Amino acid sequence: MRKDARETALKVLYSKTINPDEAERLERGLCRKLSEEDRAFAEQLLRAVEEHGEDIVRVIESNIRNFKADRLFPVDRAVLTIAVAEILYFDDIPPVVSVSEAVDLAQKYSTETSADFVNGVLSGVIANV
């Protein structure tokens, strides 16, 4: 399921924020637990984030007010990064699916208000794409 791949990508992105030296080892370990299809999707997501990181940050920042992306709660930033990458670079995924999955991740891994925040930011992204 792509849900597992997204969750893995979230954990890897978060770990790069917290402990960049261990992120690669964590990525290998987490990806081993995925099916071949999910592993490929997680790797595609992470590659898209790596290749288009600056563009993704610009899109996020243009949809939040009076804030820079690097000041966001790290989990929220990682969730938004994954969702924006999907919206911009994965034509086979409907944007509403990306938003729904991002909201689910925010509910599971972030604060009480994060899901609403993520939903609001991503709604703006979709409206401007």
C-alpha atoms as a PDB file:
ATOM      1  CA  MET A   1       0.000   0.000   0.000  1.00  0.00           C
ATOM      2  CA  ARG A   2       1.247   3.470  -0.831  1.00  0.00           C
ATOM      3  CA  LYS A   3       0.207   4.545   2.661  1.00  0.00           C
ATOM      4  CA  ASP A   4       3.160   2.560   4.059  1.00  0.00           C
ATOM      5  CA  ALA A   5       5.486   4.103   1.483  1.00  0.00           C
ATOM      6  CA  ARG A   6       4.363   7.618   2.414  1.00  0.00           C
ATOM      7  CA  GLU A   7       4.825   6.860   6.089  1.00  0.00           C
ATOM      8  CA  THR A   8       8.334   5.577   5.405  1.00  0.00           C
ATOM      9  CA  ALA A   9       9.168   8.682   3.359  1.00  0.00           C
ATOM     10  CA  LEU A  10       7.869  10.836   6.220  1.00  0.00           C
ATOM     11  CA  LYS A  11      10.089   9.065   8.727  1.00  0.00           C
ATOM     12  CA  VAL A  12      13.120   9.427   6.469  1.00  0.00           C
ATOM     13  CA  LEU A  13      12.516  13.148   5.851  1.00  0.00           C
ATOM     14  CA  TYR A  14      11.945  13.751   9.547  1.00  0.00           C
ATOM     15  CA  SER A  15      15.124  11.862  10.432  1.00  0.00           C
ATOM     16  CA  LYS A  16      17.108  14.006   7.986  1.00  0.00           C
ATOM     17  CA  THR A  17      15.948  17.033   9.971  1.00  0.00           C
ATOM     18  CA  ILE A  18      16.744  15.567  13.373  1.00  0.00           C
ATOM     19  CA  ASN A  19      19.807  13.416  12.699  1.00  0.00           C
ATOM     20  CA  PRO A  20      21.077  13.707   9.122  1.00  0.00           C
ATOM     21  CA  ASP A  21      24.032  11.402   9.770  1.00  0.00           C
ATOM     22  CA  GLU A  22      21.738   8.450  10.493  1.00  0.00           C
ATOM     23  CA  ALA A  23      19.063   9.149   7.866  1.00  0.00           C
ATOM     24  CA  GLU A  24      20.546   6.935   5.163  1.00  0.00           C
ATOM     25  CA  ARG A  25      20.860   3.962   7.496  1.00  0.00           C
ATOM     26  CA  LEU A  26      17.306   4.482   8.716  1.00  0.00           C
ATOM     27  CA  GLU A  27      16.049   4.727   5.133  1.00  0.00           C
ATOM     28  CA  ARG A  28      17.645   1.396   4.226  1.00  0.00           C
ATOM     29  CA  GLY A  29      16.153  -0.245   7.291  1.00  0.00           C
ATOM     30  CA  LEU A  30      12.672   1.151   6.796  1.00  0.00           C
ATOM     31  CA  CYS A  31      12.581   0.412   3.080  1.00  0.00           C
ATOM     32  CA  ARG A  32      13.499  -3.219   3.717  1.00  0.00           C
ATOM     33  CA  LYS A  33      10.176  -3.637   5.507  1.00  0.00           C
ATOM     34  CA  LEU A  34       8.170  -2.497   2.474  1.00  0.00           C
ATOM     35  CA  SER A  35       6.901  -4.511  -0.449  1.00  0.00           C
ATOM     36  CA  GLU A  36       8.852  -4.066  -3.662  1.00  0.00           C
ATOM     37  CA  GLU A  37       6.136  -1.799  -5.079  1.00  0.00           C
ATOM     38  CA  ASP A  38       5.989   0.363  -1.934  1.00  0.00           C
ATOM     39  CA  ARG A  39       9.772   0.558  -1.749  1.00  0.00           C
ATOM     40  CA  ALA A  40       9.863   1.843  -5.324  1.00  0.00           C
ATOM     41  CA  PHE A  41       7.206   4.453  -4.561  1.00  0.00           C
ATOM     42  CA  ALA A  42       8.951   5.609  -1.367  1.00  0.00           C
ATOM     43  CA  GLU A  43      12.208   5.943  -3.289  1.00  0.00           C
ATOM     44  CA  GLN A  44      10.430   7.916  -6.047  1.00  0.00           C
ATOM     45  CA  LEU A  45       8.962  10.271  -3.444  1.00  0.00           C
ATOM     46  CA  LEU A  46      12.302  10.817  -1.748  1.00  0.00           C
ATOM     47  CA  ARG A  47      14.037  11.331  -5.088  1.00  0.00           C
ATOM     48  CA  ALA A  48      11.417  13.916  -6.122  1.00  0.00           C
ATOM     49  CA  VAL A  49      11.932  15.748  -2.832  1.00  0.00           C
ATOM     50  CA  GLU A  50      15.694  15.691  -3.305  1.00  0.00           C
ATOM     51  CA  GLU A  51      15.574  16.829  -6.934  1.00  0.00           C
ATOM     52  CA  HIS A  52      12.898  19.496  -6.508  1.00  0.00           C
ATOM     53  CA  GLY A  53      13.381  20.508  -2.870  1.00  0.00           C
ATOM     54  CA  GLU A  54      13.805  24.221  -3.510  1.00  0.00           C
ATOM     55  CA  ASP A  55      10.710  24.387  -5.703  1.00  0.00           C
ATOM     56  CA  ILE A  56       8.699  22.431  -3.139  1.00  0.00           C
ATOM     57  CA  VAL A  57       9.767  24.803  -0.360  1.00  0.00           C
ATOM     58  CA  ARG A  58       8.785  27.815  -2.492  1.00  0.00           C
ATOM     59  CA  VAL A  59       5.333  26.326  -3.081  1.00  0.00           C
ATOM     60  CA  ILE A  60       4.869  25.613   0.633  1.00  0.00           C
ATOM     61  CA  GLU A  61       6.039  29.082   1.633  1.00  0.00           C
ATOM     62  CA  SER A  62       3.766  30.757  -0.905  1.00  0.00           C
ATOM     63  CA  ASN A  63       0.822  29.025   0.775  1.00  0.00           C
ATOM     64  CA  ILE A  64       1.626  29.886   4.396  1.00  0.00           C
ATOM     65  CA  ARG A  65       1.401  33.392   5.722  1.00  0.00           C
ATOM     66  CA  ASN A  66       4.209  35.194   7.519  1.00  0.00           C
ATOM     67  CA  PHE A  67       6.228  32.033   7.974  1.00  0.00           C
ATOM     68  CA  LYS A  68       9.223  30.327   6.420  1.00  0.00           C
ATOM     69  CA  ALA A  69       9.099  26.571   5.854  1.00  0.00           C
ATOM     70  CA  ASP A  70      12.150  26.014   8.061  1.00  0.00           C
ATOM     71  CA  ARG A  71      10.185  27.395  11.039  1.00  0.00           C
ATOM     72  CA  LEU A  72       7.397  24.846  10.685  1.00  0.00           C
ATOM     73  CA  PHE A  73       7.155  21.926  13.065  1.00  0.00           C
ATOM     74  CA  PRO A  74       9.471  19.317  11.450  1.00  0.00           C
ATOM     75  CA  VAL A  75       6.766  16.673  11.095  1.00  0.00           C
ATOM     76  CA  ASP A  76       4.378  19.144   9.473  1.00  0.00           C
ATOM     77  CA  ARG A  77       7.125  20.296   7.111  1.00  0.00           C
ATOM     78  CA  ALA A  78       7.886  16.695   6.122  1.00  0.00           C
ATOM     79  CA  VAL A  79       4.194  15.900   5.574  1.00  0.00           C
ATOM     80  CA  LEU A  80       3.731  19.017   3.434  1.00  0.00           C
ATOM     81  CA  THR A  81       6.892  18.269   1.474  1.00  0.00           C
ATOM     82  CA  ILE A  82       5.713  14.780   0.558  1.00  0.00           C
ATOM     83  CA  ALA A  83       2.245  15.972  -0.416  1.00  0.00           C
ATOM     84  CA  VAL A  84       3.502  18.891  -2.506  1.00  0.00           C
ATOM     85  CA  ALA A  85       5.949  16.571  -4.277  1.00  0.00           C
ATOM     86  CA  GLU A  86       3.056  14.266  -5.126  1.00  0.00           C
ATOM     87  CA  ILE A  87       0.824  17.124  -6.286  1.00  0.00           C
ATOM     88  CA  LEU A  88       3.496  18.642  -8.510  1.00  0.00           C
ATOM     89  CA  TYR A  89       5.389  15.626  -9.843  1.00  0.00           C
ATOM     90  CA  PHE A  90       3.116  12.558  -9.714  1.00  0.00           C
ATOM     91  CA  ASP A  91       0.453  12.985 -12.367  1.00  0.00           C
ATOM     92  CA  ASP A  92      -0.999   9.532 -11.665  1.00  0.00           C
ATOM     93  CA  ILE A  93      -2.065  10.569  -8.140  1.00  0.00           C
ATOM     94  CA  PRO A  94      -5.133  12.801  -7.834  1.00  0.00           C
ATOM     95  CA  PRO A  95      -4.312  15.848  -5.676  1.00  0.00           C
ATOM     96  CA  VAL A  96      -7.225  15.096  -3.348  1.00  0.00           C
ATOM     97  CA  VAL A  97      -5.641  11.718  -2.576  1.00  0.00           C
ATOM     98  CA  SER A  98      -2.335  13.410  -1.731  1.00  0.00           C
ATOM     99  CA  VAL A  99      -4.140  15.841   0.573  1.00  0.00           C
ATOM    100  CA  SER A 100      -6.127  13.090   2.277  1.00  0.00           C
ATOM    101  CA  GLU A 101      -3.020  10.990   2.859  1.00  0.00           C
ATOM    102  CA  ALA A 102      -1.118  14.011   4.187  1.00  0.00           C
ATOM    103  CA  VAL A 103      -3.926  14.853   6.609  1.00  0.00           C
ATOM    104  CA  ASP A 104      -3.903  11.240   7.836  1.00  0.00           C
ATOM    105  CA  LEU A 105      -0.138  11.388   8.427  1.00  0.00           C
ATOM    106  CA  ALA A 106      -0.463  14.704  10.278  1.00  0.00           C
ATOM    107  CA  GLN A 107      -3.211  13.254  12.492  1.00  0.00           C
ATOM    108  CA  LYS A 108      -1.071  10.224  13.283  1.00  0.00           C
ATOM    109  CA  TYR A 109       2.319  11.871  13.824  1.00  0.00           C
ATOM    110  CA  SER A 110       1.807  15.532  14.670  1.00  0.00           C
ATOM    111  CA  THR A 111      -0.149  17.854  16.927  1.00  0.00           C
ATOM    112  CA  GLU A 112      -3.914  18.167  17.363  1.00  0.00           C
ATOM    113  CA  THR A 113      -4.099  21.163  15.041  1.00  0.00           C
ATOM    114  CA  SER A 114      -1.642  19.940  12.421  1.00  0.00           C
ATOM    115  CA  ALA A 115      -4.156  18.059  10.297  1.00  0.00           C
ATOM    116  CA  ASP A 116      -6.244  21.218   9.819  1.00  0.00           C
ATOM    117  CA  PHE A 117      -3.116  23.259   9.107  1.00  0.00           C
ATOM    118  CA  VAL A 118      -1.849  20.742   6.534  1.00  0.00           C
ATOM    119  CA  ASN A 119      -5.271  20.576   4.902  1.00  0.00           C
ATOM    120  CA  GLY A 120      -5.439  24.359   4.641  1.00  0.00           C
ATOM    121  CA  VAL A 121      -1.969  24.745   3.166  1.00  0.00           C
ATOM    122  CA  LEU A 122      -2.510  21.955   0.647  1.00  0.00           C
ATOM    123  CA  SER A 123      -5.901  23.335  -0.368  1.00  0.00           C
ATOM    124  CA  GLY A 124      -4.078  26.531  -1.291  1.00  0.00           C
ATOM    125  CA  VAL A 125      -1.466  24.568  -3.216  1.00  0.00           C
ATOM    126  CA  ILE A 126      -4.142  22.777  -5.245  1.00  0.00           C
ATOM    127  CA  ALA A 127      -5.951  26.037  -5.953  1.00  0.00           C
ATOM    128  CA  ASN A 128      -2.743  27.599  -7.283  1.00  0.00           C
ATOM    129  CA  VAL A 129      -1.464  24.691  -9.381  1.00  0.00           C
END
